[in-house]
Amino acid sequence: MTLAHHAPALALVLLLALAAWLLLREGHRDHTRPGHGQQRPHSTRVGTAQQDHDAIEGDQP
């Protein structure tokens, strides 16, 4: 087996590694991409399990 025999597989592995690195690097950038506006924070209203249960029971006939 020669290096020429393994070259296509090695090239594919390197290409996949480069693509993974680029995707990971893009995910860690600290800016907003076009079309991905800032999300609003979640509601600060937090109920208890009992309130949830009461609300479900109240909706049933």
C-alpha atoms as a PDB file:
ATOM      1  CA  MET A   1       0.000   0.000   0.000  1.00  0.00           C
ATOM      2  CA  THR A   2       1.373   3.354  -0.981  1.00  0.00           C
ATOM      3  CA  LEU A   3       0.553   6.887   0.041  1.00  0.00           C
ATOM      4  CA  ALA A   4      -1.158   7.361  -3.320  1.00  0.00           C
ATOM      5  CA  HIS A   5      -3.487   4.511  -2.438  1.00  0.00           C
ATOM      6  CA  HIS A   6      -4.554   6.221   0.811  1.00  0.00           C
ATOM      7  CA  ALA A   7      -4.648   9.783  -0.562  1.00  0.00           C
ATOM      8  CA  PRO A   8      -8.400   9.906  -1.396  1.00  0.00           C
ATOM      9  CA  ALA A   9      -9.393   8.684   2.071  1.00  0.00           C
ATOM     10  CA  LEU A  10      -6.930  11.051   3.755  1.00  0.00           C
ATOM     11  CA  ALA A  11      -8.235  13.973   1.689  1.00  0.00           C
ATOM     12  CA  LEU A  12     -11.819  13.137   2.698  1.00  0.00           C
ATOM     13  CA  VAL A  13     -10.912  12.940   6.394  1.00  0.00           C
ATOM     14  CA  LEU A  14      -9.082  16.277   6.219  1.00  0.00           C
ATOM     15  CA  LEU A  15     -12.006  17.886   4.387  1.00  0.00           C
ATOM     16  CA  LEU A  16     -14.480  16.638   6.998  1.00  0.00           C
ATOM     17  CA  ALA A  17     -12.223  17.830   9.822  1.00  0.00           C
ATOM     18  CA  LEU A  18     -11.996  21.272   8.223  1.00  0.00           C
ATOM     19  CA  ALA A  19     -15.773  21.465   7.788  1.00  0.00           C
ATOM     20  CA  ALA A  20     -16.339  20.461  11.417  1.00  0.00           C
ATOM     21  CA  TRP A  21     -13.817  23.035  12.630  1.00  0.00           C
ATOM     22  CA  LEU A  22     -15.469  25.785  10.582  1.00  0.00           C
ATOM     23  CA  LEU A  23     -18.927  24.880  11.886  1.00  0.00           C
ATOM     24  CA  LEU A  24     -17.746  24.824  15.486  1.00  0.00           C
ATOM     25  CA  ARG A  25     -15.915  28.125  15.061  1.00  0.00           C
ATOM     26  CA  GLU A  26     -19.019  29.739  13.544  1.00  0.00           C
ATOM     27  CA  GLY A  27     -21.134  28.542  16.453  1.00  0.00           C
ATOM     28  CA  HIS A  28     -18.863  30.263  18.966  1.00  0.00           C
ATOM     29  CA  ARG A  29     -18.865  33.686  17.357  1.00  0.00           C
ATOM     30  CA  ASP A  30     -20.337  36.409  19.516  1.00  0.00           C
ATOM     31  CA  HIS A  31     -22.409  38.206  16.915  1.00  0.00           C
ATOM     32  CA  THR A  32     -25.847  37.916  15.383  1.00  0.00           C
ATOM     33  CA  ARG A  33     -25.989  36.470  11.904  1.00  0.00           C
ATOM     34  CA  PRO A  34     -28.337  38.050   9.367  1.00  0.00           C
ATOM     35  CA  GLY A  35     -31.842  36.677   9.790  1.00  0.00           C
ATOM     36  CA  HIS A  36     -31.141  35.545  13.338  1.00  0.00           C
ATOM     37  CA  GLY A  37     -32.270  38.473  15.444  1.00  0.00           C
ATOM     38  CA  GLN A  38     -31.835  38.646  19.164  1.00  0.00           C
ATOM     39  CA  GLN A  39     -34.278  36.450  20.998  1.00  0.00           C
ATOM     40  CA  ARG A  40     -36.513  37.836  23.681  1.00  0.00           C
ATOM     41  CA  PRO A  41     -35.916  36.530  27.180  1.00  0.00           C
ATOM     42  CA  HIS A  42     -38.244  33.899  28.551  1.00  0.00           C
ATOM     43  CA  SER A  43     -41.134  34.938  30.705  1.00  0.00           C
ATOM     44  CA  THR A  44     -40.273  35.624  34.314  1.00  0.00           C
ATOM     45  CA  ARG A  45     -43.652  34.299  35.441  1.00  0.00           C
ATOM     46  CA  VAL A  46     -42.991  30.943  37.033  1.00  0.00           C
ATOM     47  CA  GLY A  47     -45.799  28.842  38.418  1.00  0.00           C
ATOM     48  CA  THR A  48     -45.734  25.975  40.848  1.00  0.00           C
ATOM     49  CA  ALA A  49     -46.656  22.395  40.063  1.00  0.00           C
ATOM     50  CA  GLN A  50     -49.841  22.853  42.106  1.00  0.00           C
ATOM     51  CA  GLN A  51     -50.807  25.929  40.045  1.00  0.00           C
ATOM     52  CA  ASP A  52     -50.203  23.932  36.866  1.00  0.00           C
ATOM     53  CA  HIS A  53     -52.319  21.078  38.181  1.00  0.00           C
ATOM     54  CA  ASP A  54     -55.115  23.458  39.229  1.00  0.00           C
ATOM     55  CA  ALA A  55     -55.083  25.100  35.815  1.00  0.00           C
ATOM     56  CA  ILE A  56     -55.372  21.730  34.077  1.00  0.00           C
ATOM     57  CA  GLU A  57     -58.148  20.585  36.383  1.00  0.00           C
ATOM     58  CA  GLY A  58     -59.991  23.876  35.828  1.00  0.00           C
ATOM     59  CA  ASP A  59     -60.024  23.348  32.058  1.00  0.00           C
ATOM     60  CA  GLN A  60     -61.700  19.969  32.295  1.00  0.00           C
ATOM     61  CA  PRO A  61     -65.526  19.709  32.576  1.00  0.00           C
END
